[in-house]
N, C-alpha and C. Protein backbone atom coordinates (compact mmCIF):
# COMPACT_ATOMS: atom_id res chain seq x y z
N UNK A 1 55.38 227.47 61.70
CA UNK A 1 54.22 226.70 61.25
C UNK A 1 53.33 227.54 60.31
N UNK A 2 53.08 228.75 60.83
CA UNK A 2 52.13 229.57 60.05
C UNK A 2 52.76 229.92 58.76
N UNK A 3 53.92 230.10 58.72
CA UNK A 3 54.75 230.54 57.44
C UNK A 3 54.54 229.43 56.61
N UNK A 4 54.67 228.19 56.96
CA UNK A 4 54.57 227.04 56.09
C UNK A 4 53.22 226.94 55.39
N UNK A 5 52.21 227.21 56.20
CA UNK A 5 50.82 227.18 55.63
C UNK A 5 50.54 228.29 54.60
N UNK A 6 51.07 229.46 54.74
CA UNK A 6 51.03 230.61 53.79
C UNK A 6 51.71 230.21 52.50
N UNK A 7 52.89 229.62 52.69
CA UNK A 7 53.68 229.28 51.54
C UNK A 7 52.93 228.14 50.70
N UNK A 8 52.45 227.14 51.51
CA UNK A 8 51.73 226.03 50.76
C UNK A 8 50.48 226.56 50.09
N UNK A 9 49.69 227.52 50.60
CA UNK A 9 48.57 228.04 49.99
C UNK A 9 48.98 228.90 48.67
N UNK A 10 49.99 229.63 48.80
CA UNK A 10 50.55 230.25 47.67
C UNK A 10 51.08 229.32 46.58
N UNK A 11 51.65 228.34 46.93
CA UNK A 11 52.15 227.44 45.98
C UNK A 11 50.97 226.72 45.28
N UNK A 12 50.03 226.40 46.05
CA UNK A 12 48.88 225.70 45.41
C UNK A 12 48.12 226.71 44.43
N UNK A 13 48.15 227.99 44.77
CA UNK A 13 47.43 228.92 43.92
C UNK A 13 48.21 229.08 42.65
N UNK A 14 49.55 229.25 42.75
CA UNK A 14 50.37 229.32 41.61
C UNK A 14 50.23 228.13 40.57
N UNK A 15 50.17 226.93 41.24
CA UNK A 15 49.98 225.72 40.30
C UNK A 15 48.67 225.77 39.64
N UNK A 16 47.60 226.16 40.43
CA UNK A 16 46.26 226.19 39.76
C UNK A 16 46.24 227.20 38.57
N UNK A 17 46.89 228.35 38.77
CA UNK A 17 47.09 229.30 37.69
C UNK A 17 47.86 228.83 36.49
N UNK A 18 48.92 228.07 36.83
CA UNK A 18 49.65 227.48 35.73
C UNK A 18 48.81 226.44 34.94
N UNK A 19 48.15 225.59 35.57
CA UNK A 19 47.31 224.58 34.96
C UNK A 19 46.22 225.18 34.18
N UNK A 20 45.65 226.20 34.69
CA UNK A 20 44.48 226.84 34.00
C UNK A 20 45.03 227.62 32.73
N UNK A 21 46.17 228.27 32.95
CA UNK A 21 46.69 229.06 31.77
C UNK A 21 47.28 228.12 30.66
N UNK A 22 47.75 227.00 31.03
CA UNK A 22 48.37 226.08 30.15
C UNK A 22 47.44 225.03 29.53
N UNK A 23 46.25 224.95 30.07
CA UNK A 23 45.25 223.97 29.66
C UNK A 23 44.78 224.24 28.23
N UNK A 24 43.97 223.34 27.70
CA UNK A 24 43.49 223.45 26.38
C UNK A 24 42.56 224.66 26.24
N UNK A 25 42.58 225.32 25.03
CA UNK A 25 41.80 226.50 24.83
C UNK A 25 40.29 226.11 24.71
N UNK A 26 39.55 226.87 25.26
CA UNK A 26 38.03 226.57 25.27
C UNK A 26 37.59 226.91 23.79
N UNK A 27 36.92 225.98 23.13
CA UNK A 27 36.44 226.19 21.84
C UNK A 27 34.90 226.62 21.88
N UNK A 28 34.57 227.64 21.10
CA UNK A 28 33.19 228.16 21.23
C UNK A 28 32.20 227.12 20.49
N UNK A 29 31.16 226.93 21.20
CA UNK A 29 30.19 225.93 20.67
C UNK A 29 29.37 226.72 19.44
N UNK A 30 29.27 225.84 18.36
CA UNK A 30 28.65 226.54 17.22
C UNK A 30 27.17 226.73 17.47
N UNK A 31 26.67 227.90 16.91
CA UNK A 31 25.19 228.14 17.23
C UNK A 31 24.45 227.36 16.26
N UNK A 32 23.20 226.84 16.69
CA UNK A 32 22.38 225.94 15.82
C UNK A 32 21.87 226.87 14.66
N UNK A 33 21.71 226.29 13.46
CA UNK A 33 21.18 227.18 12.35
C UNK A 33 19.77 227.61 12.53
N UNK A 34 19.50 228.75 12.03
CA UNK A 34 18.06 229.24 12.15
C UNK A 34 17.03 228.38 11.48
N UNK A 35 15.95 228.16 12.16
CA UNK A 35 14.97 227.35 11.50
C UNK A 35 14.33 228.06 10.24
N UNK A 36 14.12 227.22 9.18
CA UNK A 36 13.48 227.90 8.03
C UNK A 36 12.07 227.45 7.94
N UNK A 37 11.28 228.34 7.16
CA UNK A 37 10.00 228.08 7.08
C UNK A 37 9.70 226.79 6.04
N UNK A 38 10.53 226.67 5.22
CA UNK A 38 10.42 225.57 4.26
C UNK A 38 11.57 224.56 4.50
N UNK A 39 11.37 223.35 4.74
CA UNK A 39 12.46 222.45 4.92
C UNK A 39 13.31 222.29 3.68
N UNK A 40 14.52 222.11 3.89
CA UNK A 40 15.55 222.10 2.77
C UNK A 40 15.27 220.95 1.85
N UNK A 41 14.55 219.90 2.31
CA UNK A 41 14.22 218.79 1.33
C UNK A 41 12.88 219.04 0.59
N UNK A 42 12.23 220.05 0.76
CA UNK A 42 10.89 220.32 0.15
C UNK A 42 11.13 220.65 -1.33
N UNK A 43 10.20 220.05 -2.05
CA UNK A 43 10.37 220.27 -3.62
C UNK A 43 9.58 221.55 -3.87
N UNK A 44 10.19 222.54 -4.58
CA UNK A 44 9.43 223.77 -4.93
C UNK A 44 8.34 223.50 -6.00
N UNK A 45 7.26 224.13 -5.89
CA UNK A 45 6.16 223.99 -6.83
C UNK A 45 6.37 224.91 -7.93
N UNK A 46 6.59 224.45 -9.14
CA UNK A 46 6.66 225.32 -10.51
C UNK A 46 5.39 226.27 -10.73
N UNK A 47 5.74 227.26 -11.14
CA UNK A 47 4.60 228.24 -11.43
C UNK A 47 3.80 227.70 -12.61
N UNK A 48 2.56 228.11 -12.72
CA UNK A 48 1.61 227.68 -13.79
C UNK A 48 2.21 228.10 -15.13
N UNK A 49 2.01 227.25 -16.06
CA UNK A 49 2.59 227.52 -17.48
C UNK A 49 2.09 228.83 -17.99
N UNK A 50 0.79 228.97 -17.89
CA UNK A 50 0.28 230.26 -18.54
C UNK A 50 -0.62 231.01 -17.48
N UNK A 51 -0.38 232.18 -17.28
CA UNK A 51 -1.28 232.94 -16.34
C UNK A 51 -2.65 233.20 -16.74
N UNK A 52 -3.51 233.24 -15.87
CA UNK A 52 -4.95 233.38 -16.26
C UNK A 52 -5.15 234.83 -16.54
N UNK A 53 -5.61 235.04 -17.85
CA UNK A 53 -5.90 236.45 -18.15
C UNK A 53 -7.07 236.98 -17.49
N UNK A 54 -7.20 238.30 -17.37
CA UNK A 54 -8.34 238.88 -16.66
C UNK A 54 -9.56 238.75 -17.64
N UNK A 55 -10.75 238.86 -17.11
CA UNK A 55 -11.92 238.68 -17.99
C UNK A 55 -11.95 239.75 -19.09
N UNK A 56 -12.02 239.33 -20.24
CA UNK A 56 -12.03 240.21 -21.35
C UNK A 56 -13.27 241.09 -21.56
N UNK A 57 -13.08 242.35 -21.87
CA UNK A 57 -14.34 243.16 -22.06
C UNK A 57 -14.51 243.17 -23.56
N UNK A 58 -15.80 242.84 -23.97
CA UNK A 58 -16.11 242.88 -25.33
C UNK A 58 -15.89 244.20 -26.01
N UNK A 59 -15.21 244.18 -27.11
CA UNK A 59 -14.91 245.42 -27.77
C UNK A 59 -16.13 245.86 -28.56
N UNK A 60 -16.64 247.04 -28.50
CA UNK A 60 -17.84 247.41 -29.15
C UNK A 60 -17.46 247.63 -30.71
N UNK A 61 -17.86 246.67 -31.52
CA UNK A 61 -17.64 246.77 -32.93
C UNK A 61 -18.92 247.07 -33.60
N UNK A 62 -19.19 248.36 -33.82
CA UNK A 62 -20.35 248.81 -34.52
C UNK A 62 -21.59 248.50 -33.50
N UNK A 63 -21.80 249.32 -32.54
CA UNK A 63 -22.82 249.22 -31.62
C UNK A 63 -24.18 249.28 -32.35
N UNK A 64 -25.08 248.47 -31.85
CA UNK A 64 -26.33 248.44 -32.48
C UNK A 64 -27.20 249.64 -31.86
N UNK A 65 -28.22 250.01 -32.58
CA UNK A 65 -29.08 251.11 -32.20
C UNK A 65 -30.00 250.56 -31.16
N UNK A 66 -30.10 251.40 -29.99
CA UNK A 66 -30.97 250.84 -28.80
C UNK A 66 -32.32 250.69 -29.22
N UNK A 67 -32.88 249.67 -28.60
CA UNK A 67 -34.28 249.42 -28.89
C UNK A 67 -35.19 249.98 -27.83
N UNK A 68 -34.68 250.10 -26.63
CA UNK A 68 -35.39 250.58 -25.48
C UNK A 68 -35.12 251.99 -25.16
N UNK A 69 -35.59 252.41 -23.94
CA UNK A 69 -35.38 253.82 -23.55
C UNK A 69 -33.82 254.04 -23.42
N UNK A 70 -33.41 255.23 -23.84
CA UNK A 70 -31.97 255.62 -23.74
C UNK A 70 -31.65 255.95 -22.32
N UNK A 71 -30.62 255.29 -21.74
CA UNK A 71 -30.12 255.61 -20.33
C UNK A 71 -28.78 256.36 -20.34
N UNK A 72 -28.01 256.20 -21.45
CA UNK A 72 -26.72 256.82 -21.47
C UNK A 72 -26.34 257.26 -22.95
N UNK A 73 -25.88 258.54 -22.96
CA UNK A 73 -25.43 259.09 -24.28
C UNK A 73 -24.03 259.62 -24.11
N UNK A 74 -23.16 259.18 -24.95
CA UNK A 74 -21.75 259.53 -25.01
C UNK A 74 -21.50 260.19 -26.25
N UNK A 75 -20.94 261.45 -26.01
CA UNK A 75 -20.68 262.35 -27.22
C UNK A 75 -19.24 262.72 -27.22
N UNK A 76 -18.68 263.22 -28.25
CA UNK A 76 -17.34 263.63 -28.38
C UNK A 76 -16.68 263.07 -29.64
N UNK A 77 -15.34 262.86 -29.77
CA UNK A 77 -14.73 262.34 -30.94
C UNK A 77 -14.88 260.79 -30.86
N UNK A 78 -15.86 260.33 -31.38
CA UNK A 78 -16.22 258.89 -31.43
C UNK A 78 -15.90 258.27 -32.76
N UNK A 79 -15.13 257.25 -32.97
CA UNK A 79 -14.87 256.55 -34.17
C UNK A 79 -16.02 255.86 -34.76
N UNK A 80 -16.85 255.21 -33.99
CA UNK A 80 -17.94 254.36 -34.48
C UNK A 80 -19.26 254.68 -33.77
N UNK A 81 -19.91 255.82 -34.01
CA UNK A 81 -21.06 256.14 -33.27
C UNK A 81 -22.35 255.27 -33.75
N UNK A 82 -23.35 255.04 -32.91
CA UNK A 82 -24.37 254.20 -33.34
C UNK A 82 -25.71 254.95 -33.63
N UNK A 83 -25.72 256.31 -33.17
CA UNK A 83 -26.88 257.16 -33.58
C UNK A 83 -26.34 258.53 -33.80
N UNK A 84 -26.34 258.95 -35.04
CA UNK A 84 -25.81 260.29 -35.46
C UNK A 84 -24.17 260.25 -35.16
N UNK A 85 -23.76 261.25 -34.45
CA UNK A 85 -22.39 261.32 -34.10
C UNK A 85 -22.13 260.87 -32.55
N UNK A 86 -23.13 260.25 -31.88
CA UNK A 86 -22.96 259.85 -30.57
C UNK A 86 -23.10 258.44 -30.41
N UNK A 87 -22.70 257.85 -29.21
CA UNK A 87 -23.03 256.39 -28.88
C UNK A 87 -24.22 256.49 -27.80
N UNK A 88 -25.26 255.87 -28.09
CA UNK A 88 -26.36 255.81 -27.24
C UNK A 88 -26.74 254.38 -26.78
N UNK A 89 -26.92 254.28 -25.43
CA UNK A 89 -27.16 252.99 -24.78
C UNK A 89 -28.42 252.97 -24.23
N UNK A 90 -29.16 251.76 -24.30
CA UNK A 90 -30.26 251.47 -23.58
C UNK A 90 -29.82 250.43 -22.57
N UNK A 91 -30.86 250.02 -21.66
CA UNK A 91 -30.43 249.07 -20.61
C UNK A 91 -29.76 247.83 -21.09
N UNK A 92 -30.36 247.20 -22.08
CA UNK A 92 -29.75 245.94 -22.65
C UNK A 92 -28.39 246.20 -23.18
N UNK A 93 -28.19 247.19 -23.91
CA UNK A 93 -26.86 247.39 -24.53
C UNK A 93 -25.86 247.85 -23.40
N UNK A 94 -26.31 248.60 -22.42
CA UNK A 94 -25.44 249.00 -21.32
C UNK A 94 -25.01 247.78 -20.52
N UNK A 95 -25.93 246.85 -20.21
CA UNK A 95 -25.68 245.66 -19.38
C UNK A 95 -24.62 244.81 -20.22
N UNK A 96 -24.65 244.76 -21.51
CA UNK A 96 -23.83 244.01 -22.33
C UNK A 96 -22.30 244.45 -22.24
N UNK A 97 -22.13 245.73 -22.09
CA UNK A 97 -20.80 246.24 -22.00
C UNK A 97 -20.36 246.80 -20.61
N UNK A 98 -21.26 246.70 -19.69
CA UNK A 98 -20.90 247.19 -18.30
C UNK A 98 -19.94 246.30 -17.59
N UNK A 99 -19.14 246.87 -16.70
CA UNK A 99 -18.10 246.14 -15.99
C UNK A 99 -18.36 246.39 -14.50
N UNK A 100 -18.42 245.40 -13.63
CA UNK A 100 -18.74 245.55 -12.25
C UNK A 100 -17.32 245.70 -11.52
N UNK A 101 -17.17 246.69 -10.78
CA UNK A 101 -15.79 246.78 -10.02
C UNK A 101 -16.21 247.13 -8.60
N UNK A 102 -15.62 246.36 -7.66
CA UNK A 102 -15.79 246.50 -6.33
C UNK A 102 -14.62 247.35 -5.74
N UNK A 103 -14.89 248.26 -4.94
CA UNK A 103 -13.84 249.15 -4.30
C UNK A 103 -13.80 248.91 -2.84
C-alpha cells in the first residue's frame, strides 16, 4: 500500500513537471513609456522672428566741450578729442554716455 502511494505521488509530480515544461511560454509584459514633460500632442511655440537687441550705447561723434566742472579726463591715442588731445567729461556729458551694470 505504501509503495502505491509513493508511486502515485511520483507520477503526479512528473505530470506536473511535464505540464509546466510544455505549457505556453510566459511573455514579458512591456514596460510603460516614460512620462514626458511635454505631451506629444502639444504644439511647439515658434521662436520670435527677430531677437531683441541690447540697449544701444550712443557712439560719441564729436564730443561737445564740457560746460560744467570736469569729473573725468581720458588721454591717450584718441581719434576725436573734445579738448586739446584729450576727452574731457563733465557730469552732464558723463551721464549721457554712462552705462549702468549690475554685478
